[in-house]
Amino acid sequence: MTAAPEGGQRVLTGTHFMLGDHACAEGALAAGLDFFGGYPITPSTEVAERLARRLPAVGGQYLQMEDELGSIMSIIGASAAGARSLTAT
């Protein structure tokens, strides 16, 4: 597994071997993700953990919520404000 790039790069370059959840997070970052509202719960814990580290480094916002309802409400609000948003459960 490769470490996340330093310096706030949105797109990984080169060849990487990674978990599917990490690939999901990296794909969202490459697509311009601005906001993640979710919480760590199996099977998506690694998506939340990866974005908790990577998203602030590229100028995005990470918000940990208490459940699925809070998560969906936070991304609806963020998208209404113009952010590209994502949740994972």
N, C-alpha and C. Protein backbone atom coordinates (compact mmCIF):
# COMPACT_ATOMS: atom_id res chain seq x y z
N MET A 1 0.84 -1.18 0.00
CA MET A 1 0.00 0.00 0.00
C MET A 1 0.89 1.24 0.00
N THR A 2 0.50 2.23 -0.76
CA THR A 2 1.29 3.45 -0.86
C THR A 2 0.74 4.53 0.07
N ALA A 3 1.62 5.35 0.55
CA ALA A 3 1.20 6.46 1.40
C ALA A 3 0.54 7.54 0.57
N ALA A 4 -0.29 8.33 1.22
CA ALA A 4 -0.93 9.45 0.53
C ALA A 4 0.13 10.48 0.16
N PRO A 5 -0.07 11.18 -0.97
CA PRO A 5 0.93 12.16 -1.39
C PRO A 5 1.02 13.33 -0.43
N GLU A 6 2.19 13.88 -0.33
CA GLU A 6 2.41 15.05 0.52
C GLU A 6 2.10 16.32 -0.27
N GLY A 7 1.88 17.40 0.43
CA GLY A 7 1.73 18.69 -0.22
C GLY A 7 0.36 18.97 -0.80
N GLY A 8 -0.63 18.19 -0.45
CA GLY A 8 -1.98 18.50 -0.88
C GLY A 8 -2.28 18.22 -2.33
N GLN A 9 -1.70 17.21 -2.91
CA GLN A 9 -2.01 16.84 -4.30
C GLN A 9 -3.35 16.12 -4.33
N ARG A 10 -4.21 16.51 -5.25
CA ARG A 10 -5.52 15.86 -5.38
C ARG A 10 -5.46 14.53 -6.08
N VAL A 11 -4.56 14.40 -7.05
CA VAL A 11 -4.53 13.20 -7.89
C VAL A 11 -3.25 12.42 -7.65
N LEU A 12 -3.39 11.15 -7.32
CA LEU A 12 -2.22 10.28 -7.20
C LEU A 12 -1.67 9.98 -8.59
N THR A 13 -0.39 9.95 -8.72
CA THR A 13 0.23 9.58 -9.99
C THR A 13 1.03 8.31 -9.80
N GLY A 14 1.33 7.65 -10.88
CA GLY A 14 2.10 6.42 -10.80
C GLY A 14 1.19 5.20 -10.62
N THR A 15 1.80 4.09 -10.29
CA THR A 15 1.08 2.83 -10.09
C THR A 15 0.91 2.59 -8.60
N HIS A 16 -0.29 2.22 -8.18
CA HIS A 16 -0.57 2.03 -6.77
C HIS A 16 -1.35 0.74 -6.54
N PHE A 17 -1.09 0.10 -5.44
CA PHE A 17 -1.85 -1.05 -4.97
C PHE A 17 -2.52 -0.58 -3.69
N MET A 18 -3.88 -0.59 -3.66
CA MET A 18 -4.58 -0.06 -2.49
C MET A 18 -5.91 -0.75 -2.29
N LEU A 19 -6.46 -0.57 -1.12
CA LEU A 19 -7.78 -1.09 -0.81
C LEU A 19 -8.84 -0.40 -1.68
N GLY A 20 -9.93 -1.08 -1.92
CA GLY A 20 -11.02 -0.50 -2.70
C GLY A 20 -11.58 0.76 -2.06
N ASP A 21 -11.66 0.79 -0.73
CA ASP A 21 -12.16 1.99 -0.04
C ASP A 21 -11.22 3.17 -0.25
N HIS A 22 -9.92 2.91 -0.25
CA HIS A 22 -8.95 3.98 -0.52
C HIS A 22 -9.08 4.46 -1.96
N ALA A 23 -9.31 3.53 -2.88
CA ALA A 23 -9.49 3.91 -4.28
C ALA A 23 -10.74 4.77 -4.45
N CYS A 24 -11.80 4.45 -3.72
CA CYS A 24 -13.03 5.26 -3.74
C CYS A 24 -12.73 6.69 -3.28
N ALA A 25 -12.01 6.81 -2.17
CA ALA A 25 -11.66 8.13 -1.64
C ALA A 25 -10.78 8.90 -2.62
N GLU A 26 -9.79 8.23 -3.19
CA GLU A 26 -8.89 8.90 -4.13
C GLU A 26 -9.61 9.31 -5.40
N GLY A 27 -10.54 8.49 -5.87
CA GLY A 27 -11.33 8.85 -7.05
C GLY A 27 -12.19 10.07 -6.79
N ALA A 28 -12.78 10.14 -5.60
CA ALA A 28 -13.59 11.31 -5.24
C ALA A 28 -12.74 12.57 -5.19
N LEU A 29 -11.54 12.46 -4.62
CA LEU A 29 -10.63 13.61 -4.58
C LEU A 29 -10.24 14.06 -5.98
N ALA A 30 -9.94 13.10 -6.85
CA ALA A 30 -9.56 13.43 -8.22
C ALA A 30 -10.71 14.09 -8.97
N ALA A 31 -11.96 13.76 -8.59
CA ALA A 31 -13.13 14.34 -9.23
C ALA A 31 -13.50 15.71 -8.66
N GLY A 32 -12.78 16.17 -7.63
CA GLY A 32 -13.01 17.51 -7.09
C GLY A 32 -13.81 17.56 -5.82
N LEU A 33 -13.82 16.48 -5.04
CA LEU A 33 -14.57 16.47 -3.77
C LEU A 33 -14.17 17.64 -2.88
N ASP A 34 -15.18 18.35 -2.35
CA ASP A 34 -14.95 19.47 -1.44
C ASP A 34 -15.35 19.17 -0.01
N PHE A 35 -16.33 18.27 0.18
CA PHE A 35 -16.91 18.04 1.51
C PHE A 35 -17.27 16.57 1.69
N PHE A 36 -16.87 16.01 2.82
CA PHE A 36 -17.28 14.66 3.21
C PHE A 36 -18.00 14.76 4.54
N GLY A 37 -19.22 14.23 4.59
CA GLY A 37 -19.98 14.14 5.82
C GLY A 37 -20.35 12.68 6.03
N GLY A 38 -19.76 12.05 6.98
CA GLY A 38 -20.04 10.64 7.22
C GLY A 38 -19.49 10.22 8.56
N TYR A 39 -19.46 8.91 8.77
CA TYR A 39 -18.90 8.40 10.01
C TYR A 39 -18.31 7.03 9.76
N PRO A 40 -17.34 6.65 10.57
CA PRO A 40 -16.69 5.36 10.37
C PRO A 40 -17.58 4.20 10.80
N ILE A 41 -18.05 3.41 9.84
CA ILE A 41 -18.85 2.23 10.10
C ILE A 41 -18.51 1.20 9.03
N THR A 42 -18.40 -0.03 9.43
CA THR A 42 -18.10 -1.11 8.48
C THR A 42 -19.20 -1.15 7.44
N PRO A 43 -18.91 -1.23 6.17
CA PRO A 43 -17.62 -1.50 5.53
C PRO A 43 -16.92 -0.27 4.99
N SER A 44 -17.34 0.91 5.37
CA SER A 44 -16.78 2.12 4.76
C SER A 44 -15.83 2.90 5.66
N THR A 45 -15.37 2.30 6.73
CA THR A 45 -14.48 3.00 7.67
C THR A 45 -13.24 3.56 6.97
N GLU A 46 -12.65 2.79 6.06
CA GLU A 46 -11.42 3.23 5.42
C GLU A 46 -11.63 4.43 4.51
N VAL A 47 -12.84 4.57 3.93
CA VAL A 47 -13.14 5.76 3.12
C VAL A 47 -13.07 7.00 4.03
N ALA A 48 -13.75 6.93 5.17
CA ALA A 48 -13.77 8.06 6.11
C ALA A 48 -12.37 8.36 6.65
N GLU A 49 -11.63 7.32 7.01
CA GLU A 49 -10.28 7.54 7.55
C GLU A 49 -9.36 8.18 6.53
N ARG A 50 -9.42 7.70 5.30
CA ARG A 50 -8.55 8.26 4.24
C ARG A 50 -8.91 9.72 3.98
N LEU A 51 -10.21 10.01 3.88
CA LEU A 51 -10.62 11.39 3.61
C LEU A 51 -10.38 12.31 4.80
N ALA A 52 -10.41 11.79 6.02
CA ALA A 52 -10.11 12.60 7.19
C ALA A 52 -8.68 13.14 7.12
N ARG A 53 -7.77 12.35 6.54
CA ARG A 53 -6.38 12.79 6.38
C ARG A 53 -6.19 13.64 5.14
N ARG A 54 -6.76 13.19 4.03
CA ARG A 54 -6.46 13.80 2.73
C ARG A 54 -7.26 15.05 2.42
N LEU A 55 -8.53 15.08 2.78
CA LEU A 55 -9.40 16.18 2.35
C LEU A 55 -8.96 17.54 2.90
N PRO A 56 -8.64 17.69 4.19
CA PRO A 56 -8.16 18.99 4.66
C PRO A 56 -6.87 19.45 3.98
N ALA A 57 -6.04 18.51 3.57
CA ALA A 57 -4.77 18.87 2.92
C ALA A 57 -4.97 19.48 1.54
N VAL A 58 -6.14 19.25 0.93
CA VAL A 58 -6.41 19.82 -0.39
C VAL A 58 -7.46 20.93 -0.33
N GLY A 59 -7.72 21.43 0.89
CA GLY A 59 -8.64 22.55 1.05
C GLY A 59 -10.10 22.17 1.23
N GLY A 60 -10.38 20.89 1.44
CA GLY A 60 -11.76 20.45 1.65
C GLY A 60 -12.12 20.36 3.12
N GLN A 61 -13.36 20.02 3.38
CA GLN A 61 -13.86 19.91 4.75
C GLN A 61 -14.30 18.48 5.03
N TYR A 62 -13.93 17.96 6.20
CA TYR A 62 -14.34 16.64 6.66
C TYR A 62 -15.16 16.83 7.93
N LEU A 63 -16.35 16.24 7.96
CA LEU A 63 -17.22 16.36 9.13
C LEU A 63 -17.69 14.97 9.52
N GLN A 64 -17.35 14.54 10.74
CA GLN A 64 -17.80 13.24 11.22
C GLN A 64 -19.17 13.41 11.88
N MET A 65 -20.13 12.61 11.40
CA MET A 65 -21.49 12.68 11.91
C MET A 65 -21.78 11.49 12.81
N GLU A 66 -22.97 11.49 13.41
CA GLU A 66 -23.32 10.44 14.37
C GLU A 66 -24.05 9.25 13.75
N ASP A 67 -24.67 9.44 12.59
CA ASP A 67 -25.40 8.34 11.95
C ASP A 67 -25.69 8.67 10.49
N GLU A 68 -26.41 7.75 9.80
CA GLU A 68 -26.71 7.94 8.38
C GLU A 68 -27.55 9.18 8.12
N LEU A 69 -28.51 9.46 8.98
CA LEU A 69 -29.37 10.63 8.78
C LEU A 69 -28.57 11.93 8.88
N GLY A 70 -27.71 12.02 9.88
CA GLY A 70 -26.87 13.21 10.00
C GLY A 70 -25.94 13.36 8.81
N SER A 71 -25.42 12.23 8.34
CA SER A 71 -24.51 12.26 7.18
C SER A 71 -25.20 12.79 5.94
N ILE A 72 -26.38 12.25 5.65
CA ILE A 72 -27.08 12.67 4.43
C ILE A 72 -27.53 14.14 4.52
N MET A 73 -27.94 14.55 5.72
CA MET A 73 -28.34 15.96 5.88
C MET A 73 -27.15 16.90 5.68
N SER A 74 -25.98 16.49 6.17
CA SER A 74 -24.81 17.36 6.01
C SER A 74 -24.40 17.48 4.55
N ILE A 75 -24.46 16.39 3.77
CA ILE A 75 -24.06 16.51 2.37
C ILE A 75 -25.12 17.19 1.52
N ILE A 76 -26.38 17.08 1.91
CA ILE A 76 -27.42 17.83 1.21
C ILE A 76 -27.19 19.33 1.40
N GLY A 77 -26.91 19.72 2.64
CA GLY A 77 -26.62 21.13 2.91
C GLY A 77 -25.39 21.63 2.19
N ALA A 78 -24.34 20.81 2.19
CA ALA A 78 -23.10 21.21 1.51
C ALA A 78 -23.31 21.32 0.00
N SER A 79 -24.07 20.38 -0.58
CA SER A 79 -24.30 20.46 -2.03
C SER A 79 -25.20 21.63 -2.38
N ALA A 80 -26.15 21.97 -1.51
CA ALA A 80 -27.00 23.13 -1.75
C ALA A 80 -26.17 24.42 -1.72
N ALA A 81 -25.06 24.39 -0.96
CA ALA A 81 -24.18 25.54 -0.89
C ALA A 81 -23.14 25.53 -2.01
N GLY A 82 -23.19 24.52 -2.88
CA GLY A 82 -22.31 24.48 -4.04
C GLY A 82 -21.10 23.57 -3.92
N ALA A 83 -20.99 22.81 -2.84
CA ALA A 83 -19.83 21.93 -2.67
C ALA A 83 -20.09 20.57 -3.34
N ARG A 84 -19.03 19.99 -3.86
CA ARG A 84 -19.11 18.59 -4.31
C ARG A 84 -18.98 17.74 -3.07
N SER A 85 -20.03 17.01 -2.72
CA SER A 85 -20.07 16.34 -1.44
C SER A 85 -20.25 14.83 -1.58
N LEU A 86 -19.87 14.11 -0.51
CA LEU A 86 -19.90 12.66 -0.50
C LEU A 86 -20.15 12.16 0.91
N THR A 87 -20.89 11.04 1.01
CA THR A 87 -20.97 10.28 2.24
C THR A 87 -20.72 8.83 1.90
N ALA A 88 -20.39 8.04 2.88
CA ALA A 88 -20.18 6.60 2.68
C ALA A 88 -20.67 5.87 3.92
N THR A 89 -21.49 4.87 3.71
CA THR A 89 -21.96 4.06 4.85
C THR A 89 -21.93 2.59 4.48
